[in-house]
C-alpha atoms as a PDB file:
ATOM      1  CA  MET A   1      69.262 -26.677  -2.550  1.00  0.00           C
ATOM      2  CA  ARG A   2      65.769 -28.099  -2.763  1.00  0.00           C
ATOM      3  CA  LEU A   3      62.870 -26.513  -4.730  1.00  0.00           C
ATOM      4  CA  ARG A   4      60.070 -25.529  -2.343  1.00  0.00           C
ATOM      5  CA  ARG A   5      56.406 -25.614  -3.453  1.00  0.00           C
ATOM      6  CA  GLY A   6      53.305 -24.266  -1.637  1.00  0.00           C
ATOM      7  CA  PHE A   7      52.830 -21.689   1.085  1.00  0.00           C
ATOM      8  CA  THR A   8      54.196 -21.524   4.593  1.00  0.00           C
ATOM      9  CA  LEU A   9      51.912 -21.531   7.614  1.00  0.00           C
ATOM     10  CA  LEU A  10      52.723 -17.873   8.280  1.00  0.00           C
ATOM     11  CA  GLU A  11      51.753 -16.811   4.759  1.00  0.00           C
ATOM     12  CA  THR A  12      48.470 -18.697   5.005  1.00  0.00           C
ATOM     13  CA  LEU A  13      47.645 -17.121   8.395  1.00  0.00           C
ATOM     14  CA  ILE A  14      48.336 -13.610   7.076  1.00  0.00           C
ATOM     15  CA  VAL A  15      45.974 -14.149   4.133  1.00  0.00           C
ATOM     16  CA  MET A  16      43.269 -15.515   6.463  1.00  0.00           C
ATOM     17  CA  VAL A  17      43.558 -12.503   8.798  1.00  0.00           C
ATOM     18  CA  VAL A  18      43.297 -10.049   5.905  1.00  0.00           C
ATOM     19  CA  LEU A  19      40.228 -11.868   4.526  1.00  0.00           C
ATOM     20  CA  GLY A  20      38.652 -11.841   7.998  1.00  0.00           C
ATOM     21  CA  LEU A  21      39.139  -8.092   8.295  1.00  0.00           C
ATOM     22  CA  VAL A  22      37.607  -7.465   4.873  1.00  0.00           C
ATOM     23  CA  MET A  23      34.593  -9.626   5.739  1.00  0.00           C
ATOM     24  CA  ALA A  24      34.154  -7.882   9.093  1.00  0.00           C
ATOM     25  CA  MET A  25      34.002  -4.515   7.335  1.00  0.00           C
ATOM     26  CA  ALA A  26      31.585  -5.742   4.638  1.00  0.00           C
ATOM     27  CA  ALA A  27      29.075  -7.579   6.881  1.00  0.00           C
ATOM     28  CA  PRO A  28      27.224  -4.498   8.240  1.00  0.00           C
ATOM     29  CA  ARG A  29      26.761  -3.089   4.735  1.00  0.00           C
ATOM     30  CA  MET A  30      25.426  -6.414   3.497  1.00  0.00           C
ATOM     31  CA  ARG A  31      22.987  -6.596   6.425  1.00  0.00           C
ATOM     32  CA  ALA A  32      21.753  -3.036   5.716  1.00  0.00           C
ATOM     33  CA  GLY A  33      21.305  -3.900   2.056  1.00  0.00           C
ATOM     34  CA  THR A  34      19.247  -6.953   2.948  1.00  0.00           C
ATOM     35  CA  GLU A  35      17.045  -4.895   5.276  1.00  0.00           C
ATOM     36  CA  THR A  36      16.479  -2.270   2.581  1.00  0.00           C
ATOM     37  CA  ALA A  37      15.584  -4.955   0.044  1.00  0.00           C
ATOM     38  CA  ASN A  38      13.134  -6.564   2.494  1.00  0.00           C
ATOM     39  CA  ARG A  39      11.469  -3.204   3.251  1.00  0.00           C
ATOM     40  CA  LYS A  40      11.051  -2.451  -0.463  1.00  0.00           C
ATOM     41  CA  ALA A  41       9.726  -5.956  -1.111  1.00  0.00           C
ATOM     42  CA  ALA A  42       7.170  -5.496   1.688  1.00  0.00           C
ATOM     43  CA  ARG A  43       6.159  -2.132   0.172  1.00  0.00           C
ATOM     44  CA  ASP A  44       5.710  -3.814  -3.219  1.00  0.00           C
ATOM     45  CA  VAL A  45       3.514  -6.531  -1.649  1.00  0.00           C
ATOM     46  CA  VAL A  46       1.315  -3.848  -0.027  1.00  0.00           C
ATOM     47  CA  ALA A  47       0.989  -2.013  -3.360  1.00  0.00           C
ATOM     48  CA  SER A  48       0.202  -5.278  -5.131  1.00  0.00           C
ATOM     49  CA  TYR A  49      -2.564  -6.119  -2.641  1.00  0.00           C
ATOM     50  CA  ALA A  50      -4.049  -2.614  -3.013  1.00  0.00           C
ATOM     51  CA  ASN A  51      -3.974  -2.925  -6.813  1.00  0.00           C
ATOM     52  CA  THR A  52      -5.563  -6.381  -6.582  1.00  0.00           C
ATOM     53  CA  ALA A  53      -8.403  -5.027  -4.430  1.00  0.00           C
ATOM     54  CA  ARG A  54      -9.022  -2.186  -6.880  1.00  0.00           C
ATOM     55  CA  ARG A  55      -8.854  -4.432  -9.969  1.00  0.00           C
ATOM     56  CA  MET A  56     -11.232  -6.960  -8.405  1.00  0.00           C
ATOM     57  CA  ALA A  57     -13.733  -4.168  -7.636  1.00  0.00           C
ATOM     58  CA  LEU A  58     -13.622  -3.054 -11.269  1.00  0.00           C
ATOM     59  CA  ALA A  59     -13.708  -6.576 -12.729  1.00  0.00           C
ATOM     60  CA  ARG A  60     -16.591  -7.840 -10.597  1.00  0.00           C
ATOM     61  CA  ALA A  61     -18.477  -4.536 -10.305  1.00  0.00           C
ATOM     62  CA  SER A  62     -18.793  -5.064  -6.567  1.00  0.00           C
ATOM     63  CA  GLY A  63     -17.152  -3.691  -3.460  1.00  0.00           C
ATOM     64  CA  THR A  64     -13.826  -5.036  -2.295  1.00  0.00           C
ATOM     65  CA  ARG A  65     -11.714  -4.368   0.776  1.00  0.00           C
ATOM     66  CA  LEU A  66      -8.022  -4.398   1.579  1.00  0.00           C
ATOM     67  CA  VAL A  67      -8.086  -5.651   5.162  1.00  0.00           C
ATOM     68  CA  VAL A  68      -5.197  -4.655   7.442  1.00  0.00           C
ATOM     69  CA  ASN A  69      -4.940  -6.739  10.606  1.00  0.00           C
ATOM     70  CA  GLY A  70      -1.740  -5.802  12.421  1.00  0.00           C
ATOM     71  CA  ASN A  71       1.019  -6.685   9.974  1.00  0.00           C
ATOM     72  CA  THR A  72      -1.234  -8.949   7.901  1.00  0.00           C
ATOM     73  CA  LEU A  73      -2.953  -8.031   4.615  1.00  0.00           C
ATOM     74  CA  ALA A  74      -5.851  -9.722   2.827  1.00  0.00           C
ATOM     75  CA  VAL A  75      -8.238  -8.796   0.004  1.00  0.00           C
ATOM     76  CA  THR A  76     -11.945  -9.592   0.347  1.00  0.00           C
ATOM     77  CA  ILE A  77     -14.914  -9.224  -2.011  1.00  0.00           C
ATOM     78  CA  ASP A  78     -18.296  -8.097  -0.721  1.00  0.00           C
ATOM     79  CA  SER A  79     -21.128 -10.043  -2.296  1.00  0.00           C
ATOM     80  CA  LEU A  80     -24.817 -10.464  -1.552  1.00  0.00           C
ATOM     81  CA  SER A  81     -24.380 -13.863   0.067  1.00  0.00           C
ATOM     82  CA  ALA A  82     -21.131 -13.480   2.002  1.00  0.00           C
ATOM     83  CA  THR A  83     -17.681 -11.994   2.054  1.00  0.00           C
ATOM     84  CA  SER A  84     -14.998 -14.078   0.376  1.00  0.00           C
ATOM     85  CA  THR A  85     -11.228 -13.746   0.508  1.00  0.00           C
ATOM     86  CA  VAL A  86      -9.515 -13.552  -2.878  1.00  0.00           C
ATOM     87  CA  ALA A  87      -5.913 -12.868  -1.919  1.00  0.00           C
ATOM     88  CA  ARG A  88      -4.663 -14.995   0.941  1.00  0.00           C
ATOM     89  CA  ALA A  89      -3.425 -13.215   4.021  1.00  0.00           C
ATOM     90  CA  THR A  90       0.254 -12.256   4.020  1.00  0.00           C
ATOM     91  CA  ASP A  91       2.128 -11.465   7.225  1.00  0.00           C
ATOM     92  CA  LEU A  92       4.749  -8.818   6.484  1.00  0.00           C
ATOM     93  CA  GLN A  93       6.486  -9.293   9.847  1.00  0.00           C
ATOM     94  CA  SER A  94       7.217 -12.986   9.373  1.00  0.00           C
ATOM     95  CA  GLN A  95       7.976 -12.717   5.660  1.00  0.00           C
ATOM     96  CA  PHE A  96      10.029  -9.498   5.537  1.00  0.00           C
ATOM     97  CA  GLY A  97      10.621  -8.428   9.156  1.00  0.00           C
ATOM     98  CA  ALA A  98       8.583  -5.257   8.518  1.00  0.00           C
ATOM     99  CA  THR A  99       5.722  -3.678  10.444  1.00  0.00           C
ATOM    100  CA  LEU A 100       2.718  -1.994   8.841  1.00  0.00           C
ATOM    101  CA  SER A 101       0.693   1.012   9.963  1.00  0.00           C
ATOM    102  CA  PHE A 102      -2.343   2.468   8.263  1.00  0.00           C
ATOM    103  CA  LEU A 103      -2.981   6.231   8.337  1.00  0.00           C
ATOM    104  CA  PHE A 104      -4.738   9.047   6.586  1.00  0.00           C
ATOM    105  CA  LEU A 105      -2.312  11.392   4.864  1.00  0.00           C
ATOM    106  CA  ASN A 106      -2.825  13.923   7.691  1.00  0.00           C
ATOM    107  CA  GLY A 107      -1.451  11.353  10.179  1.00  0.00           C
ATOM    108  CA  ALA A 108      -4.730  10.261  11.804  1.00  0.00           C
ATOM    109  CA  SER A 109      -5.341   6.541  12.284  1.00  0.00           C
ATOM    110  CA  ALA A 110      -7.456   5.093   9.482  1.00  0.00           C
ATOM    111  CA  GLY A 111      -8.925   1.946  11.027  1.00  0.00           C
ATOM    112  CA  SER A 112      -8.366  -1.525   9.650  1.00  0.00           C
ATOM    113  CA  GLU A 113      -9.483  -1.602   6.030  1.00  0.00           C
ATOM    114  CA  ILE A 114      -9.581   0.275   2.754  1.00  0.00           C
ATOM    115  CA  ALA A 115     -12.862  -0.190   0.910  1.00  0.00           C
ATOM    116  CA  PHE A 116     -13.190   0.203  -2.862  1.00  0.00           C
ATOM    117  CA  ASP A 117     -16.543   0.662  -4.582  1.00  0.00           C
ATOM    118  CA  LYS A 118     -17.526  -1.017  -7.863  1.00  0.00           C
ATOM    119  CA  ARG A 119     -15.866   1.856  -9.810  1.00  0.00           C
ATOM    120  CA  GLY A 120     -12.501   1.251  -8.104  1.00  0.00           C
ATOM    121  CA  MET A 121     -12.732   4.424  -6.025  1.00  0.00           C
ATOM    122  CA  LEU A 122     -12.396   4.597  -2.247  1.00  0.00           C
ATOM    123  CA  ARG A 123     -15.591   4.407  -0.258  1.00  0.00           C
ATOM    124  CA  GLY A 124     -16.203   7.020   2.428  1.00  0.00           C
ATOM    125  CA  GLY A 125     -14.080  10.128   2.382  1.00  0.00           C
ATOM    126  CA  ALA A 126     -12.833  10.012  -1.175  1.00  0.00           C
ATOM    127  CA  ASN A 127     -10.996  13.295  -0.606  1.00  0.00           C
ATOM    128  CA  LEU A 128      -8.601  11.763   1.943  1.00  0.00           C
ATOM    129  CA  THR A 129      -5.558   9.860   0.776  1.00  0.00           C
ATOM    130  CA  ARG A 130      -4.833   6.648   2.688  1.00  0.00           C
ATOM    131  CA  LYS A 131      -1.226   5.903   3.579  1.00  0.00           C
ATOM    132  CA  LEU A 132       0.193   2.474   4.444  1.00  0.00           C
ATOM    133  CA  VAL A 133       3.604   2.801   6.090  1.00  0.00           C
ATOM    134  CA  VAL A 134       6.074  -0.093   6.009  1.00  0.00           C
ATOM    135  CA  GLU A 135       8.791   0.147   8.662  1.00  0.00           C
ATOM    136  CA  SER A 136      11.904  -2.016   8.961  1.00  0.00           C
ATOM    137  CA  ALA A 137      13.502  -3.120  12.229  1.00  0.00           C
ATOM    138  CA  SER A 138      15.997  -0.236  12.092  1.00  0.00           C
ATOM    139  CA  GLY A 139      13.188   2.325  11.807  1.00  0.00           C
ATOM    140  CA  ALA A 140      13.574   3.090   8.094  1.00  0.00           C
ATOM    141  CA  ARG A 141      10.204   3.739   6.457  1.00  0.00           C
ATOM    142  CA  ASP A 142       8.612   3.415   3.063  1.00  0.00           C
ATOM    143  CA  SER A 143       4.999   4.004   2.093  1.00  0.00           C
ATOM    144  CA  VAL A 144       2.173   3.175  -0.277  1.00  0.00           C
ATOM    145  CA  CYS A 145      -0.490   5.827  -0.816  1.00  0.00           C
ATOM    146  CA  ILE A 146      -4.003   5.312  -2.165  1.00  0.00           C
ATOM    147  CA  SER A 147      -5.814   8.384  -3.445  1.00  0.00           C
ATOM    148  CA  GLY A 148      -9.556   8.906  -3.220  1.00  0.00           C
ATOM    149  CA  ALA A 149      -9.781   7.989  -6.908  1.00  0.00           C
ATOM    150  CA  GLY A 150      -8.209   4.613  -6.073  1.00  0.00           C
ATOM    151  CA  MET A 151      -4.794   5.274  -7.582  1.00  0.00           C
ATOM    152  CA  VAL A 152      -2.019   3.305  -5.838  1.00  0.00           C
ATOM    153  CA  MET A 153       1.322   5.109  -5.530  1.00  0.00           C
ATOM    154  CA  ARG A 154       4.580   3.717  -4.144  1.00  0.00           C
ATOM    155  CA  GLY A 155       6.861   6.035  -2.229  1.00  0.00           C
ATOM    156  CA  ARG A 156       6.201   9.432  -0.741  1.00  0.00           C
ATOM    157  CA  CYS A 157       2.634  10.720  -0.572  1.00  0.00           C
ATOM    158  CA  ARG A 158       1.791  14.237  -1.631  1.00  0.00           C
END
């Protein structure tokens, strides 16, 4: 009798089928996890841009704006001579697969920009909280809220 080493073709095929089934069950969960991570990353970028606009207003003692153009964000500084962009435009759709909408907390559309005065507070209607909603392809939502006092909050608005 001869000593046999290795695996038979049947044993190898059985292992490959079992691995395939495990991967097929895990793939949807991995995809959902990636989408959630992208949505949260997009939310963090929106909050970062809002904080940058507020900090620049305070640092330069001049008005700044967080400009929302579709799914694209940019931060601009208002000066006597011209308006200059300080934070380059970021497209959330191409970078994270997320869409962006801009609302007042009561649900009304809020236009295309959030303006901060030289004290870091919102210009025009300081009593209304602005809400930027980030939505993933599956419809899951996350938000960034900016109070009239200029405070930037991630997550649910109150």
